[in-house]
């Protein structure tokens, strides 16, 4: 038995179940995560979990056992893709860090299927010094932050441990600005606005967001909903017949924040299979 990936459960992860945790960390669907658990490819604190819905606690250690057959539902084309098929552009390079324009479709790091075509494998080939950099260099060498597989955009990668700590602190202190371009269904009333709906995890495991209630009024006591503060700012860049192109800045870093806030606003992100109107 060979453990290829390890994850520590942090405070922000404890509201989720095991399958949700795996889905977010490995960029896979919950059904794929459940299949991994059912096929005994997951360990929690060196033991096999009872079920995919098990609750995680701060300090738990989740391990991924190497698979002989991948449970993922990737198409044959995705499985056969090699690193050479992706155009990875180095935007900035210094002795301390590099900035990369990650193309859509490229995983940042391997999932349970132990893919070869990942950004981390490209980094290890081009910049072998990152092999020992980071909180978990075996899994995410040099990686300070990540983008979902289907998202494209800039990623900063640390080349030294000192640089990693400095960059990580910047992200934690929110001194790094994050700007996104997204295409949504429909149109928004204001050309510029802010969404401050709190975000929490729903009963089905998805993140949910609803308008704030007035918690100071007695009649609203029973309406109070749990959730974490979240702030998303947007600007309308261009409008089409059925779509709108938005520039979005997130002032907080909640799970699936943009996707959840756009759905709550009534303009879900185009192509999002999870947060969409039924």
C-alpha atoms as a PDB file:
ATOM      1  CA  UNK A   1       0.000   0.000   0.000  1.00  0.00           C
ATOM      2  CA  UNK A   2       1.476   3.303  -1.117  1.00  0.00           C
ATOM      3  CA  UNK A   3       0.095   6.651   0.042  1.00  0.00           C
ATOM      4  CA  UNK A   4       0.606   9.178  -2.740  1.00  0.00           C
ATOM      5  CA  UNK A   5      -1.199  12.223  -1.271  1.00  0.00           C
ATOM      6  CA  UNK A   6      -1.670  13.493   2.279  1.00  0.00           C
ATOM      7  CA  UNK A   7      -3.871  16.309   3.548  1.00  0.00           C
ATOM      8  CA  UNK A   8      -4.211  17.848   6.999  1.00  0.00           C
ATOM      9  CA  UNK A   9      -7.713  18.910   8.039  1.00  0.00           C
ATOM     10  CA  UNK A  10      -7.635  22.557   9.063  1.00  0.00           C
ATOM     11  CA  UNK A  11     -10.191  24.632  10.948  1.00  0.00           C
ATOM     12  CA  UNK A  12     -11.876  25.890   7.782  1.00  0.00           C
ATOM     13  CA  UNK A  13     -12.396  22.301   6.602  1.00  0.00           C
ATOM     14  CA  UNK A  14     -14.331  20.994   9.579  1.00  0.00           C
ATOM     15  CA  UNK A  15     -17.803  21.951   8.347  1.00  0.00           C
ATOM     16  CA  UNK A  16     -17.476  19.420   5.540  1.00  0.00           C
ATOM     17  CA  UNK A  17     -17.812  15.704   5.171  1.00  0.00           C
ATOM     18  CA  UNK A  18     -15.051  13.453   3.928  1.00  0.00           C
ATOM     19  CA  UNK A  19     -16.412  13.250   0.375  1.00  0.00           C
ATOM     20  CA  UNK A  20     -16.744  17.041   0.191  1.00  0.00           C
ATOM     21  CA  UNK A  21     -13.215  17.480   1.533  1.00  0.00           C
ATOM     22  CA  UNK A  22     -11.851  15.091  -1.110  1.00  0.00           C
ATOM     23  CA  UNK A  23     -13.880  16.756  -3.838  1.00  0.00           C
ATOM     24  CA  UNK A  24     -12.411  20.166  -3.029  1.00  0.00           C
ATOM     25  CA  UNK A  25      -8.824  19.041  -2.442  1.00  0.00           C
ATOM     26  CA  UNK A  26      -8.615  16.766  -5.479  1.00  0.00           C
ATOM     27  CA  UNK A  27     -10.840  18.724  -7.876  1.00  0.00           C
ATOM     28  CA  UNK A  28     -13.141  15.763  -8.453  1.00  0.00           C
ATOM     29  CA  UNK A  29     -16.882  15.211  -8.115  1.00  0.00           C
ATOM     30  CA  UNK A  30     -18.480  13.953  -4.894  1.00  0.00           C
ATOM     31  CA  UNK A  31     -19.514  10.748  -6.661  1.00  0.00           C
ATOM     32  CA  UNK A  32     -15.873  10.142  -7.588  1.00  0.00           C
ATOM     33  CA  UNK A  33     -14.848  10.840  -3.997  1.00  0.00           C
ATOM     34  CA  UNK A  34     -17.463   8.387  -2.717  1.00  0.00           C
ATOM     35  CA  UNK A  35     -16.197   5.754  -5.133  1.00  0.00           C
ATOM     36  CA  UNK A  36     -12.669   6.249  -3.794  1.00  0.00           C
ATOM     37  CA  UNK A  37     -13.882   5.674  -0.229  1.00  0.00           C
ATOM     38  CA  UNK A  38     -15.997   2.666  -1.233  1.00  0.00           C
ATOM     39  CA  UNK A  39     -12.993   1.127  -3.000  1.00  0.00           C
ATOM     40  CA  UNK A  40     -10.762   1.602   0.068  1.00  0.00           C
ATOM     41  CA  UNK A  41      -8.469   4.157  -1.553  1.00  0.00           C
ATOM     42  CA  UNK A  42      -8.779   6.644   1.321  1.00  0.00           C
ATOM     43  CA  UNK A  43      -7.432   6.605   4.872  1.00  0.00           C
ATOM     44  CA  UNK A  44      -8.348   8.928   7.737  1.00  0.00           C
ATOM     45  CA  UNK A  45      -5.774   8.867  10.527  1.00  0.00           C
ATOM     46  CA  UNK A  46      -4.294   5.679   8.987  1.00  0.00           C
ATOM     47  CA  UNK A  47      -7.682   3.887   9.146  1.00  0.00           C
ATOM     48  CA  UNK A  48     -10.292   3.179   6.502  1.00  0.00           C
ATOM     49  CA  UNK A  49     -13.346   5.404   6.980  1.00  0.00           C
ATOM     50  CA  UNK A  50     -16.772   3.836   7.486  1.00  0.00           C
ATOM     51  CA  UNK A  51     -18.457   5.895   4.795  1.00  0.00           C
ATOM     52  CA  UNK A  52     -17.943   8.850   2.482  1.00  0.00           C
ATOM     53  CA  UNK A  53     -20.149  11.047   4.655  1.00  0.00           C
ATOM     54  CA  UNK A  54     -17.966  10.750   7.762  1.00  0.00           C
ATOM     55  CA  UNK A  55     -17.332  14.079   9.518  1.00  0.00           C
ATOM     56  CA  UNK A  56     -13.775  15.364   9.712  1.00  0.00           C
ATOM     57  CA  UNK A  57     -12.168  17.082  12.691  1.00  0.00           C
ATOM     58  CA  UNK A  58      -9.309  19.543  13.042  1.00  0.00           C
ATOM     59  CA  UNK A  59      -6.031  17.651  13.028  1.00  0.00           C
ATOM     60  CA  UNK A  60      -7.323  14.644  11.080  1.00  0.00           C
ATOM     61  CA  UNK A  61      -4.943  13.364   8.426  1.00  0.00           C
ATOM     62  CA  UNK A  62      -6.389  12.162   5.143  1.00  0.00           C
ATOM     63  CA  UNK A  63      -4.282   9.887   2.960  1.00  0.00           C
ATOM     64  CA  UNK A  64      -4.844   8.789  -0.639  1.00  0.00           C
ATOM     65  CA  UNK A  65      -3.729   5.298  -1.583  1.00  0.00           C
ATOM     66  CA  UNK A  66      -2.278   4.754  -5.047  1.00  0.00           C
ATOM     67  CA  UNK A  67      -4.840   3.389  -7.462  1.00  0.00           C
ATOM     68  CA  UNK A  68      -4.433   0.667 -10.026  1.00  0.00           C
ATOM     69  CA  UNK A  69      -7.576   1.794 -11.829  1.00  0.00           C
ATOM     70  CA  UNK A  70      -8.819   5.349 -11.785  1.00  0.00           C
ATOM     71  CA  UNK A  71     -12.408   5.885 -10.596  1.00  0.00           C
ATOM     72  CA  UNK A  72     -12.627   9.206 -12.390  1.00  0.00           C
ATOM     73  CA  UNK A  73     -15.014   9.795 -15.247  1.00  0.00           C
ATOM     74  CA  UNK A  74     -12.614  11.722 -17.436  1.00  0.00           C
ATOM     75  CA  UNK A  75     -13.012  11.381 -21.153  1.00  0.00           C
ATOM     76  CA  UNK A  76     -10.406   9.421 -23.087  1.00  0.00           C
ATOM     77  CA  UNK A  77      -9.130  12.668 -24.555  1.00  0.00           C
ATOM     78  CA  UNK A  78      -8.487  14.152 -21.115  1.00  0.00           C
ATOM     79  CA  UNK A  79      -6.715  10.998 -19.929  1.00  0.00           C
ATOM     80  CA  UNK A  80      -4.434  10.972 -22.957  1.00  0.00           C
ATOM     81  CA  UNK A  81      -3.377  14.602 -22.698  1.00  0.00           C
ATOM     82  CA  UNK A  82       0.287  15.240 -22.007  1.00  0.00           C
ATOM     83  CA  UNK A  83       2.043  18.287 -20.626  1.00  0.00           C
ATOM     84  CA  UNK A  84       3.223  19.153 -24.092  1.00  0.00           C
ATOM     85  CA  UNK A  85      -0.397  19.657 -25.121  1.00  0.00           C
ATOM     86  CA  UNK A  86      -0.698  22.668 -22.800  1.00  0.00           C
ATOM     87  CA  UNK A  87       0.731  26.109 -23.458  1.00  0.00           C
ATOM     88  CA  UNK A  88       2.176  27.132 -20.068  1.00  0.00           C
ATOM     89  CA  UNK A  89       3.363  30.711 -20.250  1.00  0.00           C
ATOM     90  CA  UNK A  90       5.877  32.081 -17.714  1.00  0.00           C
ATOM     91  CA  UNK A  91       4.813  35.699 -17.198  1.00  0.00           C
ATOM     92  CA  UNK A  92       7.438  36.678 -14.606  1.00  0.00           C
ATOM     93  CA  UNK A  93      10.526  34.935 -13.260  1.00  0.00           C
ATOM     94  CA  UNK A  94      12.790  35.950 -10.373  1.00  0.00           C
ATOM     95  CA  UNK A  95      15.160  34.106  -8.068  1.00  0.00           C
ATOM     96  CA  UNK A  96      12.386  33.954  -5.435  1.00  0.00           C
ATOM     97  CA  UNK A  97       9.234  33.224  -7.425  1.00  0.00           C
ATOM     98  CA  UNK A  98       7.700  32.689 -10.835  1.00  0.00           C
ATOM     99  CA  UNK A  99       4.302  33.746 -12.163  1.00  0.00           C
ATOM    100  CA  UNK A 100       2.603  31.325 -14.555  1.00  0.00           C
ATOM    101  CA  UNK A 101      -0.450  31.700 -16.756  1.00  0.00           C
ATOM    102  CA  UNK A 102      -2.220  28.389 -16.152  1.00  0.00           C
ATOM    103  CA  UNK A 103      -4.286  27.180 -19.113  1.00  0.00           C
ATOM    104  CA  UNK A 104      -7.818  25.867 -18.654  1.00  0.00           C
ATOM    105  CA  UNK A 105      -8.038  22.085 -18.288  1.00  0.00           C
ATOM    106  CA  UNK A 106      -4.678  21.666 -16.559  1.00  0.00           C
ATOM    107  CA  UNK A 107      -4.672  20.329 -13.007  1.00  0.00           C
ATOM    108  CA  UNK A 108      -2.486  22.182 -10.532  1.00  0.00           C
ATOM    109  CA  UNK A 109      -1.503  18.957  -8.743  1.00  0.00           C
ATOM    110  CA  UNK A 110      -2.340  15.252  -9.186  1.00  0.00           C
ATOM    111  CA  UNK A 111      -5.600  13.816  -7.866  1.00  0.00           C
ATOM    112  CA  UNK A 112      -6.175  10.268  -6.663  1.00  0.00           C
ATOM    113  CA  UNK A 113      -5.630   9.089 -10.238  1.00  0.00           C
ATOM    114  CA  UNK A 114      -1.999  10.251 -10.017  1.00  0.00           C
ATOM    115  CA  UNK A 115      -2.133  12.172 -13.323  1.00  0.00           C
ATOM    116  CA  UNK A 116       1.115  13.017 -15.064  1.00  0.00           C
ATOM    117  CA  UNK A 117      -0.095  16.094 -16.932  1.00  0.00           C
ATOM    118  CA  UNK A 118      -0.165  18.523 -13.999  1.00  0.00           C
ATOM    119  CA  UNK A 119       1.359  21.905 -13.284  1.00  0.00           C
ATOM    120  CA  UNK A 120       3.387  20.522 -10.370  1.00  0.00           C
ATOM    121  CA  UNK A 121       5.036  17.918 -12.610  1.00  0.00           C
ATOM    122  CA  UNK A 122       5.873  20.663 -15.100  1.00  0.00           C
ATOM    123  CA  UNK A 123       7.357  22.727 -12.264  1.00  0.00           C
ATOM    124  CA  UNK A 124       9.496  19.856 -11.023  1.00  0.00           C
ATOM    125  CA  UNK A 125      10.874  19.390 -14.520  1.00  0.00           C
ATOM    126  CA  UNK A 126      11.549  23.074 -15.235  1.00  0.00           C
ATOM    127  CA  UNK A 127      12.335  24.311 -11.708  1.00  0.00           C
ATOM    128  CA  UNK A 128      13.577  21.313  -9.662  1.00  0.00           C
ATOM    129  CA  UNK A 129      14.453  23.577  -6.704  1.00  0.00           C
ATOM    130  CA  UNK A 130      10.754  23.791  -5.766  1.00  0.00           C
ATOM    131  CA  UNK A 131      10.802  20.106  -4.793  1.00  0.00           C
ATOM    132  CA  UNK A 132      11.377  21.016  -1.122  1.00  0.00           C
ATOM    133  CA  UNK A 133       9.334  24.237  -1.017  1.00  0.00           C
ATOM    134  CA  UNK A 134       5.940  24.611   0.670  1.00  0.00           C
ATOM    135  CA  UNK A 135       3.806  23.225   3.490  1.00  0.00           C
ATOM    136  CA  UNK A 136       3.328  19.947   1.620  1.00  0.00           C
ATOM    137  CA  UNK A 137       6.055  19.781  -1.065  1.00  0.00           C
ATOM    138  CA  UNK A 138       5.377  16.120  -1.862  1.00  0.00           C
ATOM    139  CA  UNK A 139       1.903  17.094  -3.016  1.00  0.00           C
ATOM    140  CA  UNK A 140       2.114  20.798  -3.909  1.00  0.00           C
ATOM    141  CA  UNK A 141       5.756  21.853  -4.388  1.00  0.00           C
ATOM    142  CA  UNK A 142       6.032  25.629  -4.420  1.00  0.00           C
ATOM    143  CA  UNK A 143       2.279  26.120  -4.759  1.00  0.00           C
ATOM    144  CA  UNK A 144       1.031  29.102  -2.764  1.00  0.00           C
ATOM    145  CA  UNK A 145      -2.544  29.147  -4.099  1.00  0.00           C
ATOM    146  CA  UNK A 146      -4.496  27.234  -6.714  1.00  0.00           C
ATOM    147  CA  UNK A 147      -7.035  27.528  -9.500  1.00  0.00           C
ATOM    148  CA  UNK A 148      -9.695  24.980 -10.375  1.00  0.00           C
ATOM    149  CA  UNK A 149      -8.920  22.710 -13.286  1.00  0.00           C
ATOM    150  CA  UNK A 150     -11.230  24.474 -15.748  1.00  0.00           C
ATOM    151  CA  UNK A 151     -10.103  27.966 -14.714  1.00  0.00           C
ATOM    152  CA  UNK A 152      -7.268  29.763 -16.455  1.00  0.00           C
ATOM    153  CA  UNK A 153      -5.204  32.573 -14.997  1.00  0.00           C
ATOM    154  CA  UNK A 154      -2.109  33.651 -13.115  1.00  0.00           C
ATOM    155  CA  UNK A 155      -0.513  31.532 -10.404  1.00  0.00           C
ATOM    156  CA  UNK A 156       2.477  32.580  -8.318  1.00  0.00           C
ATOM    157  CA  UNK A 157       4.897  29.798  -7.372  1.00  0.00           C
ATOM    158  CA  UNK A 158       7.584  30.139  -4.708  1.00  0.00           C
ATOM    159  CA  UNK A 159      11.121  28.993  -5.540  1.00  0.00           C
ATOM    160  CA  UNK A 160      12.415  29.211  -1.951  1.00  0.00           C
ATOM    161  CA  UNK A 161      10.876  28.427   1.432  1.00  0.00           C
ATOM    162  CA  UNK A 162      11.399  31.999   2.585  1.00  0.00           C
ATOM    163  CA  UNK A 163       9.527  33.290  -0.439  1.00  0.00           C
ATOM    164  CA  UNK A 164       6.753  30.748   0.154  1.00  0.00           C
ATOM    165  CA  UNK A 165       6.197  31.963   3.723  1.00  0.00           C
ATOM    166  CA  UNK A 166       6.199  35.593   2.607  1.00  0.00           C
ATOM    167  CA  UNK A 167       3.726  34.991  -0.234  1.00  0.00           C
ATOM    168  CA  UNK A 168       1.486  32.799   1.925  1.00  0.00           C
ATOM    169  CA  UNK A 169       1.271  35.588   4.511  1.00  0.00           C
ATOM    170  CA  UNK A 170       0.261  38.063   1.804  1.00  0.00           C
ATOM    171  CA  UNK A 171      -2.614  35.833   0.746  1.00  0.00           C
ATOM    172  CA  UNK A 172      -3.627  35.228   4.359  1.00  0.00           C
ATOM    173  CA  UNK A 173      -3.583  38.973   5.107  1.00  0.00           C
ATOM    174  CA  UNK A 174      -5.477  39.623   1.862  1.00  0.00           C
ATOM    175  CA  UNK A 175      -2.942  42.102   0.582  1.00  0.00           C
ATOM    176  CA  UNK A 176      -3.009  40.283  -2.763  1.00  0.00           C
ATOM    177  CA  UNK A 177      -5.787  41.359  -5.112  1.00  0.00           C
ATOM    178  CA  UNK A 178      -7.684  38.647  -6.989  1.00  0.00           C
ATOM    179  CA  UNK A 179      -9.463  39.722 -10.183  1.00  0.00           C
ATOM    180  CA  UNK A 180     -11.495  37.309 -12.310  1.00  0.00           C
ATOM    181  CA  UNK A 181     -13.286  37.513 -15.657  1.00  0.00           C
ATOM    182  CA  UNK A 182     -16.457  35.425 -15.724  1.00  0.00           C
ATOM    183  CA  UNK A 183     -19.304  34.882 -18.145  1.00  0.00           C
ATOM    184  CA  UNK A 184     -22.732  34.595 -16.511  1.00  0.00           C
ATOM    185  CA  UNK A 185     -26.249  33.885 -17.678  1.00  0.00           C
ATOM    186  CA  UNK A 186     -28.553  36.894 -17.885  1.00  0.00           C
ATOM    187  CA  UNK A 187     -27.956  40.462 -16.785  1.00  0.00           C
ATOM    188  CA  UNK A 188     -27.490  42.318 -13.501  1.00  0.00           C
ATOM    189  CA  UNK A 189     -29.350  45.517 -12.637  1.00  0.00           C
ATOM    190  CA  UNK A 190     -26.299  47.550 -11.602  1.00  0.00           C
ATOM    191  CA  UNK A 191     -23.187  48.032 -13.715  1.00  0.00           C
ATOM    192  CA  UNK A 192     -21.129  47.927 -10.527  1.00  0.00           C
ATOM    193  CA  UNK A 193     -22.093  46.326  -7.266  1.00  0.00           C
ATOM    194  CA  UNK A 194     -21.097  44.356  -4.190  1.00  0.00           C
ATOM    195  CA  UNK A 195     -22.523  41.074  -2.906  1.00  0.00           C
ATOM    196  CA  UNK A 196     -22.179  40.548   0.851  1.00  0.00           C
ATOM    197  CA  UNK A 197     -24.367  37.471   1.333  1.00  0.00           C
ATOM    198  CA  UNK A 198     -22.968  35.124   3.978  1.00  0.00           C
ATOM    199  CA  UNK A 199     -21.832  31.710   2.764  1.00  0.00           C
ATOM    200  CA  UNK A 200     -22.330  28.410   4.542  1.00  0.00           C
ATOM    201  CA  UNK A 201     -22.468  24.742   3.638  1.00  0.00           C
ATOM    202  CA  UNK A 202     -25.928  23.365   2.905  1.00  0.00           C
ATOM    203  CA  UNK A 203     -27.365  20.006   3.877  1.00  0.00           C
ATOM    204  CA  UNK A 204     -26.501  18.544   0.472  1.00  0.00           C
ATOM    205  CA  UNK A 205     -22.832  19.514   0.837  1.00  0.00           C
ATOM    206  CA  UNK A 206     -22.932  22.421  -1.592  1.00  0.00           C
ATOM    207  CA  UNK A 207     -22.122  25.919  -0.431  1.00  0.00           C
ATOM    208  CA  UNK A 208     -25.181  28.169  -0.066  1.00  0.00           C
ATOM    209  CA  UNK A 209     -25.616  31.925   0.117  1.00  0.00           C
ATOM    210  CA  UNK A 210     -28.646  34.005   1.051  1.00  0.00           C
ATOM    211  CA  UNK A 211     -29.299  37.710   1.650  1.00  0.00           C
ATOM    212  CA  UNK A 212     -28.511  38.858   5.159  1.00  0.00           C
ATOM    213  CA  UNK A 213     -31.299  39.009   7.737  1.00  0.00           C
ATOM    214  CA  UNK A 214     -31.674  41.793  10.260  1.00  0.00           C
ATOM    215  CA  UNK A 215     -30.372  39.973  13.314  1.00  0.00           C
ATOM    216  CA  UNK A 216     -31.186  42.869  15.624  1.00  0.00           C
ATOM    217  CA  UNK A 217     -34.958  42.585  15.221  1.00  0.00           C
ATOM    218  CA  UNK A 218     -36.682  40.210  17.598  1.00  0.00           C
ATOM    219  CA  UNK A 219     -39.090  38.932  14.940  1.00  0.00           C
ATOM    220  CA  UNK A 220     -36.128  37.790  12.864  1.00  0.00           C
ATOM    221  CA  UNK A 221     -34.530  35.625  15.555  1.00  0.00           C
ATOM    222  CA  UNK A 222     -35.854  32.413  14.030  1.00  0.00           C
ATOM    223  CA  UNK A 223     -34.599  33.475  10.581  1.00  0.00           C
ATOM    224  CA  UNK A 224     -30.967  33.826  11.610  1.00  0.00           C
ATOM    225  CA  UNK A 225     -28.798  31.572   9.475  1.00  0.00           C
ATOM    226  CA  UNK A 226     -25.281  30.492  10.127  1.00  0.00           C
ATOM    227  CA  UNK A 227     -22.587  31.463   7.680  1.00  0.00           C
ATOM    228  CA  UNK A 228     -19.303  33.231   7.145  1.00  0.00           C
ATOM    229  CA  UNK A 229     -18.989  36.775   5.924  1.00  0.00           C
ATOM    230  CA  UNK A 230     -18.150  37.027   2.241  1.00  0.00           C
ATOM    231  CA  UNK A 231     -17.732  40.018  -0.043  1.00  0.00           C
ATOM    232  CA  UNK A 232     -17.652  39.945  -3.831  1.00  0.00           C
ATOM    233  CA  UNK A 233     -17.407  43.062  -6.002  1.00  0.00           C
ATOM    234  CA  UNK A 234     -18.294  43.089  -9.694  1.00  0.00           C
ATOM    235  CA  UNK A 235     -18.270  45.328 -12.751  1.00  0.00           C
ATOM    236  CA  UNK A 236     -20.183  44.707 -15.982  1.00  0.00           C
ATOM    237  CA  UNK A 237     -17.641  44.640 -18.819  1.00  0.00           C
ATOM    238  CA  UNK A 238     -19.933  43.693 -21.695  1.00  0.00           C
ATOM    239  CA  UNK A 239     -23.499  42.523 -22.233  1.00  0.00           C
ATOM    240  CA  UNK A 240     -24.819  40.074 -24.802  1.00  0.00           C
ATOM    241  CA  UNK A 241     -28.327  38.886 -25.620  1.00  0.00           C
ATOM    242  CA  UNK A 242     -28.404  36.144 -22.993  1.00  0.00           C
ATOM    243  CA  UNK A 243     -25.106  36.625 -21.170  1.00  0.00           C
ATOM    244  CA  UNK A 244     -22.947  39.172 -19.365  1.00  0.00           C
ATOM    245  CA  UNK A 245     -19.173  39.388 -19.043  1.00  0.00           C
ATOM    246  CA  UNK A 246     -18.196  40.507 -15.542  1.00  0.00           C
ATOM    247  CA  UNK A 247     -14.973  41.572 -13.899  1.00  0.00           C
ATOM    248  CA  UNK A 248     -15.038  40.231 -10.361  1.00  0.00           C
ATOM    249  CA  UNK A 249     -12.904  40.939  -7.305  1.00  0.00           C
ATOM    250  CA  UNK A 250     -13.209  38.832  -4.178  1.00  0.00           C
ATOM    251  CA  UNK A 251     -12.434  40.529  -0.884  1.00  0.00           C
ATOM    252  CA  UNK A 252     -12.739  37.269   1.057  1.00  0.00           C
ATOM    253  CA  UNK A 253     -11.764  33.729   0.120  1.00  0.00           C
ATOM    254  CA  UNK A 254     -14.708  31.437   0.807  1.00  0.00           C
ATOM    255  CA  UNK A 255     -15.114  28.084  -0.908  1.00  0.00           C
ATOM    256  CA  UNK A 256     -16.712  28.531  -4.354  1.00  0.00           C
ATOM    257  CA  UNK A 257     -17.389  32.155  -3.420  1.00  0.00           C
ATOM    258  CA  UNK A 258     -17.858  33.632  -6.906  1.00  0.00           C
ATOM    259  CA  UNK A 259     -19.969  30.739  -8.145  1.00  0.00           C
ATOM    260  CA  UNK A 260     -22.192  30.768  -5.056  1.00  0.00           C
ATOM    261  CA  UNK A 261     -22.632  34.544  -5.034  1.00  0.00           C
ATOM    262  CA  UNK A 262     -23.468  34.672  -8.742  1.00  0.00           C
ATOM    263  CA  UNK A 263     -26.134  31.989  -8.310  1.00  0.00           C
ATOM    264  CA  UNK A 264     -27.577  33.870  -5.321  1.00  0.00           C
ATOM    265  CA  UNK A 265     -27.671  37.018  -7.451  1.00  0.00           C
ATOM    266  CA  UNK A 266     -29.590  35.143 -10.130  1.00  0.00           C
ATOM    267  CA  UNK A 267     -26.835  35.088 -12.759  1.00  0.00           C
ATOM    268  CA  UNK A 268     -25.080  31.686 -12.485  1.00  0.00           C
ATOM    269  CA  UNK A 269     -21.686  31.181 -14.107  1.00  0.00           C
ATOM    270  CA  UNK A 270     -21.860  29.704 -17.602  1.00  0.00           C
ATOM    271  CA  UNK A 271     -20.695  26.096 -17.674  1.00  0.00           C
ATOM    272  CA  UNK A 272     -20.853  25.580 -13.905  1.00  0.00           C
ATOM    273  CA  UNK A 273     -22.249  22.054 -13.361  1.00  0.00           C
ATOM    274  CA  UNK A 274     -22.803  22.499  -9.626  1.00  0.00           C
ATOM    275  CA  UNK A 275     -24.209  25.956  -8.960  1.00  0.00           C
ATOM    276  CA  UNK A 276     -26.906  26.430 -11.571  1.00  0.00           C
ATOM    277  CA  UNK A 277     -30.638  27.062 -11.771  1.00  0.00           C
ATOM    278  CA  UNK A 278     -32.713  23.919 -12.012  1.00  0.00           C
END
